[in-house]
Amino acid sequence: MRTIQQRVTGLILTLISTIGCMLSTALPPTAVPAATATPSGWRELAPGMEQRQYQPEGNLFGGLSVLRIDPARFTFRAHYQPGAPLTLNGWQQTLPDAVAFVNANFFSPDHTILGLLVADGVVYGQSYQNQGGTFLVQNGQPRVRSNIREPYVGEMLEQAVQAFPMLVLDGQTAYQPSRSERVSRRTVVAQDDMGRILLMVTPLTGLTLEALSAYLPTTDMGIVTALNLDGGGSTMVYANPPGSSQPVRLTSLDAVPAVLAVYSR
């Protein structure tokens, strides 16, 4: 049963989300539903895909909406449209078979991705060598790895997206800022100790990277590795697998040229 504090927090988050939608009238409505109260806190969207809301203590507006995905039931693909970015609605129409997606790489003003992206074996861009990390699919298996520990050397990959910085390595905080940071919306891809992939977004004002890196290892998600993807105005998430009664949907403020999408096996 939800506590009074949880109910109040939920009402506040809903109110702020509604206000944000009213201010962004050019965008479709945003709705990131809270998880149903269960013993584990996870809400099943479909077998192998669950959603849960996390709330860092002392940070009322820095909540995380998390999708936890079993690679035995779902596959991952990167999609890229150089110079032709799309909104969430646009990507949804372009990828009608995708059951979920989030934004991926950072990109330049002309909507060219930064770092490496591999879409169905086709390589775009240049890999970061001394920073960040890679979400990749190799031999059908997804992984999140550090570019410093395991730099890309041209090996065959089926799918890949890159960004920076790494937030968690070996289950421990991995990011130490060199200067003060601002709070911003965030998008994260992570892997837990059971090999499941976690896609995370901060629906409201977000967190600093330092706070996010410090918080993730303290949760019960069992995160082994976590990589920050593009955030700010790019942050978006969509999830609506077959059989789901309540889609997860957060629109971005900006159109994006690349996404990481999820498909049923």
Protein backbone atom coordinates (compact mmCIF):
# COMPACT_ATOMS: atom_id res chain seq x y z
CA MET A 1 0.00 0.00 0.00
CA ARG A 2 1.41 3.43 -0.88
CA THR A 3 2.38 5.69 1.98
CA ILE A 4 0.96 9.21 2.32
CA GLN A 5 4.38 10.62 1.36
CA GLN A 6 4.46 8.49 -1.82
CA ARG A 7 0.95 9.66 -2.73
CA VAL A 8 1.85 13.30 -2.19
CA THR A 9 5.03 12.89 -4.24
CA GLY A 10 3.04 11.25 -7.02
CA LEU A 11 0.53 14.09 -7.07
CA ILE A 12 3.29 16.70 -7.19
CA LEU A 13 5.07 14.91 -10.04
CA THR A 14 1.82 14.63 -11.97
CA LEU A 15 1.09 18.34 -11.46
CA ILE A 16 4.56 19.41 -12.64
CA SER A 17 4.36 17.10 -15.66
CA THR A 18 0.99 18.62 -16.56
CA ILE A 19 2.33 22.17 -16.22
CA GLY A 20 5.30 21.25 -18.40
CA CYS A 21 2.95 19.98 -21.09
CA MET A 22 0.90 23.18 -20.94
CA LEU A 23 4.01 25.28 -21.41
CA SER A 24 5.10 23.15 -24.37
CA THR A 25 1.90 23.35 -26.36
CA ALA A 26 3.69 22.52 -29.60
CA LEU A 27 4.54 19.07 -28.21
CA PRO A 28 2.23 16.04 -27.76
CA PRO A 29 1.13 15.33 -24.17
CA THR A 30 3.71 13.73 -21.91
CA ALA A 31 2.78 10.90 -19.56
CA VAL A 32 5.22 8.77 -17.60
CA PRO A 33 3.03 6.64 -15.34
CA ALA A 34 4.14 5.72 -11.85
CA ALA A 35 4.74 2.08 -11.08
CA THR A 36 1.90 0.05 -9.59
CA ALA A 37 2.46 -0.71 -5.91
CA THR A 38 3.87 -4.26 -5.87
CA PRO A 39 6.28 -5.97 -3.47
CA SER A 40 9.17 -5.35 -5.85
CA GLY A 41 7.95 -1.96 -7.07
CA TRP A 42 8.10 -3.03 -10.74
CA ARG A 43 5.11 -2.83 -13.07
CA GLU A 44 5.05 -5.43 -15.84
CA LEU A 45 4.36 -3.91 -19.26
CA ALA A 46 4.82 -7.28 -20.96
CA PRO A 47 6.68 -10.50 -20.12
CA GLY A 48 10.35 -9.47 -20.00
CA MET A 49 9.69 -5.71 -19.85
CA GLU A 50 9.00 -3.86 -16.60
CA GLN A 51 8.75 -0.23 -15.54
CA ARG A 52 9.44 1.41 -12.21
CA GLN A 53 9.77 4.91 -10.81
CA TYR A 54 12.73 5.74 -8.55
CA GLN A 55 12.97 8.83 -6.38
CA PRO A 56 16.42 9.86 -5.06
CA GLU A 57 16.10 10.89 -1.43
CA GLY A 58 16.10 14.66 -0.97
CA ASN A 59 15.60 15.32 -4.70
CA LEU A 60 11.85 15.72 -5.26
CA PHE A 61 12.13 16.67 -8.94
CA GLY A 62 14.98 14.30 -9.91
CA GLY A 63 12.94 11.10 -10.24
CA LEU A 64 13.93 8.32 -12.65
CA SER A 65 11.54 6.40 -14.89
CA VAL A 66 13.19 3.04 -15.63
CA LEU A 67 12.48 0.31 -18.18
CA ARG A 68 14.03 -3.08 -17.36
CA ILE A 69 14.31 -5.35 -20.40
CA ASP A 70 15.18 -9.04 -20.68
CA PRO A 71 17.39 -9.68 -23.77
CA ALA A 72 16.01 -13.22 -23.96
CA ARG A 73 12.65 -11.73 -24.99
CA PHE A 74 13.66 -8.50 -26.76
CA THR A 75 16.29 -7.33 -29.23
CA PHE A 76 17.90 -3.89 -29.64
CA ARG A 77 18.58 -1.86 -32.78
CA ALA A 78 20.09 1.57 -33.41
CA HIS A 79 18.39 3.84 -35.95
CA TYR A 80 19.92 6.93 -37.54
CA GLN A 81 18.63 9.60 -39.90
CA PRO A 82 21.54 11.97 -40.71
CA GLY A 83 20.32 15.55 -41.03
CA ALA A 84 16.69 14.49 -40.65
CA PRO A 85 15.80 14.47 -36.95
CA LEU A 86 12.43 13.33 -35.71
CA THR A 87 10.25 13.99 -32.70
CA LEU A 88 8.90 11.13 -30.58
CA ASN A 89 5.78 11.00 -32.77
CA GLY A 90 7.95 10.93 -35.88
CA TRP A 91 10.07 8.04 -34.63
CA GLN A 92 6.95 6.19 -33.53
CA GLN A 93 5.55 6.47 -37.06
CA THR A 94 8.90 5.54 -38.64
CA LEU A 95 9.39 2.50 -36.39
CA PRO A 96 5.89 0.98 -36.09
CA ASP A 97 7.28 -2.40 -34.96
CA ALA A 98 9.42 -0.97 -32.15
CA VAL A 99 7.93 -1.66 -28.72
CA ALA A 100 10.19 0.93 -27.04
CA PHE A 101 12.90 3.48 -27.78
CA VAL A 102 15.00 6.24 -26.24
CA ASN A 103 17.19 8.93 -27.76
CA ALA A 104 20.84 7.93 -28.24
CA ASN A 105 24.01 9.77 -29.36
CA PHE A 106 24.92 13.40 -28.90
CA PHE A 107 24.73 15.24 -32.23
CA SER A 108 25.99 18.39 -33.96
CA PRO A 109 23.81 21.39 -35.01
CA ASP A 110 23.41 19.86 -38.47
CA HIS A 111 22.02 16.69 -36.83
CA THR A 112 25.03 14.49 -37.46
CA ILE A 113 25.74 12.04 -34.65
CA LEU A 114 28.89 12.40 -32.55
CA GLY A 115 30.82 9.27 -31.65
CA LEU A 116 30.11 5.87 -33.16
CA LEU A 117 26.77 4.46 -34.22
CA VAL A 118 26.24 1.05 -35.83
CA ALA A 119 22.83 0.28 -37.33
CA ASP A 120 22.33 -3.29 -38.60
CA GLY A 121 26.08 -3.61 -39.19
CA VAL A 122 26.50 -0.26 -41.00
CA VAL A 123 29.06 1.97 -39.24
CA TYR A 124 28.57 5.73 -38.88
CA GLY A 125 30.85 8.29 -37.28
CA GLN A 126 34.09 7.84 -35.36
CA SER A 127 34.42 6.14 -32.01
CA TYR A 128 35.38 8.08 -28.89
CA GLN A 129 38.80 6.83 -27.79
CA ASN A 130 39.47 8.35 -24.39
CA GLN A 131 36.04 8.97 -22.96
CA GLY A 132 32.55 7.63 -22.59
CA GLY A 133 31.17 4.24 -23.39
CA THR A 134 29.28 2.09 -25.86
CA PHE A 135 26.02 0.19 -25.80
CA LEU A 136 26.53 -2.59 -28.34
CA VAL A 137 25.04 -5.77 -29.68
CA GLN A 138 27.57 -8.38 -30.75
CA ASN A 139 26.65 -11.95 -31.72
CA GLY A 140 23.13 -11.13 -30.60
CA GLN A 141 24.17 -10.19 -27.07
CA PRO A 142 23.80 -6.62 -25.69
CA ARG A 143 26.49 -5.03 -23.53
CA VAL A 144 27.36 -1.68 -21.97
CA ARG A 145 31.11 -1.12 -21.86
CA SER A 146 33.68 1.61 -21.21
CA ASN A 147 35.54 3.05 -24.21
CA ILE A 148 38.64 3.53 -22.05
CA ARG A 149 38.76 -0.06 -20.83
CA GLU A 150 37.65 -1.56 -24.14
CA PRO A 151 38.17 0.86 -27.02
CA TYR A 152 36.47 0.13 -30.32
CA VAL A 153 39.06 -1.27 -32.75
CA GLY A 154 36.85 -1.97 -35.74
CA GLU A 155 35.41 -5.28 -34.55
CA MET A 156 32.15 -6.43 -36.11
CA LEU A 157 29.13 -5.13 -34.25
CA GLU A 158 25.49 -5.54 -35.16
CA GLN A 159 24.34 -2.43 -33.29
CA ALA A 160 26.01 0.30 -31.25
CA VAL A 161 25.45 3.78 -29.85
CA GLN A 162 27.96 5.92 -27.96
CA ALA A 163 27.98 8.86 -25.59
CA PHE A 164 29.65 10.00 -22.37
CA PRO A 165 30.42 9.80 -19.52
CA MET A 166 30.30 6.37 -17.96
CA LEU A 167 28.29 6.66 -14.75
CA VAL A 168 28.80 3.22 -13.20
CA LEU A 169 31.62 0.67 -13.61
CA ASP A 170 31.84 -2.64 -11.72
CA GLY A 171 28.82 -1.58 -9.71
CA GLN A 172 30.57 1.54 -8.40
CA THR A 173 30.28 5.28 -9.04
CA ALA A 174 32.45 6.03 -12.08
CA TYR A 175 32.07 9.77 -12.71
CA GLN A 176 34.00 12.52 -10.95
CA PRO A 177 33.33 16.00 -12.35
CA SER A 178 36.17 18.40 -13.04
CA ARG A 179 33.94 21.45 -12.59
CA SER A 180 30.52 22.41 -11.29
CA GLU A 181 27.57 21.05 -13.24
CA ARG A 182 24.02 22.00 -13.98
CA VAL A 183 20.88 20.01 -13.39
CA SER A 184 19.44 18.64 -16.63
CA ARG A 185 17.13 15.96 -17.95
CA ARG A 186 19.06 12.73 -18.48
CA THR A 187 18.87 9.56 -20.58
CA VAL A 188 20.84 6.50 -19.44
CA VAL A 189 21.42 2.95 -20.68
CA ALA A 190 22.64 0.44 -18.10
CA GLN A 191 23.13 -3.29 -17.56
CA ASP A 192 22.41 -5.18 -14.34
CA ASP A 193 24.02 -8.22 -12.73
CA MET A 194 21.58 -10.52 -14.53
CA GLY A 195 22.42 -9.12 -17.97
CA ARG A 196 19.17 -7.17 -18.32
CA ILE A 197 19.23 -3.77 -20.01
CA LEU A 198 17.83 -0.73 -18.24
CA LEU A 199 16.71 2.39 -20.10
CA MET A 200 16.25 5.40 -17.82
CA VAL A 201 15.05 8.97 -18.17
CA THR A 202 14.52 11.84 -15.74
CA PRO A 203 11.08 13.17 -16.71
CA LEU A 204 11.21 16.47 -14.80
CA THR A 205 14.12 18.82 -14.07
CA GLY A 206 16.65 16.02 -13.88
CA LEU A 207 19.92 15.61 -11.95
CA THR A 208 23.57 16.54 -12.24
CA LEU A 209 25.74 13.79 -13.68
CA GLU A 210 27.61 13.58 -10.38
CA ALA A 211 24.40 13.06 -8.41
CA LEU A 212 23.13 10.47 -10.90
CA SER A 213 26.43 8.55 -10.87
CA ALA A 214 26.43 8.54 -7.06
CA TYR A 215 22.79 7.48 -6.80
CA LEU A 216 22.59 4.57 -9.26
CA PRO A 217 24.85 2.13 -7.33
CA THR A 218 22.81 2.72 -4.15
CA THR A 219 19.57 1.41 -5.67
CA ASP A 220 18.33 -2.18 -5.71
CA MET A 221 18.66 -2.37 -9.51
CA GLY A 222 21.95 -4.29 -9.32
CA ILE A 223 23.57 -2.03 -11.92
CA VAL A 224 27.01 -3.16 -13.10
CA THR A 225 27.59 -0.61 -15.85
CA ALA A 226 25.74 2.58 -16.80
CA LEU A 227 26.31 5.05 -19.61
CA ASN A 228 24.93 8.58 -19.93
CA LEU A 229 23.33 9.25 -23.33
CA ASP A 230 22.32 12.61 -24.80
CA GLY A 231 20.01 14.48 -22.44
CA GLY A 232 18.52 17.93 -21.94
CA GLY A 233 16.09 18.74 -24.73
CA SER A 234 16.84 15.39 -26.41
CA THR A 235 15.58 13.15 -23.61
CA MET A 236 12.67 11.01 -24.76
CA VAL A 237 11.26 7.57 -24.04
CA TYR A 238 8.45 5.48 -25.49
CA ALA A 239 7.32 2.00 -24.47
CA ASN A 240 4.14 0.23 -25.54
CA PRO A 241 4.69 -3.53 -25.93
CA PRO A 242 1.79 -5.76 -27.04
CA GLY A 243 -0.58 -6.34 -24.17
CA SER A 244 0.44 -3.23 -22.26
CA SER A 245 -2.50 -1.28 -20.87
CA GLN A 246 -0.60 1.90 -20.01
CA PRO A 247 2.14 3.13 -22.38
CA VAL A 248 5.21 4.96 -21.11
CA ARG A 249 5.75 8.18 -23.02
CA LEU A 250 7.98 11.22 -22.51
CA THR A 251 8.36 13.67 -25.39
CA SER A 252 11.63 15.47 -26.07
CA LEU A 253 11.92 19.22 -26.51
CA ASP A 254 14.13 18.73 -29.59
CA ALA A 255 13.93 16.42 -32.58
CA VAL A 256 16.76 13.85 -32.59
CA PRO A 257 18.51 12.02 -35.45
CA ALA A 258 19.25 8.75 -33.60
CA VAL A 259 17.43 6.39 -31.24
CA LEU A 260 18.03 3.05 -29.56
CA ALA A 261 14.95 0.91 -30.18
CA VAL A 262 13.61 -2.33 -28.68
CA TYR A 263 11.81 -5.11 -30.58
CA SER A 264 10.03 -8.28 -29.53
CA ARG A 265 11.84 -11.49 -30.46
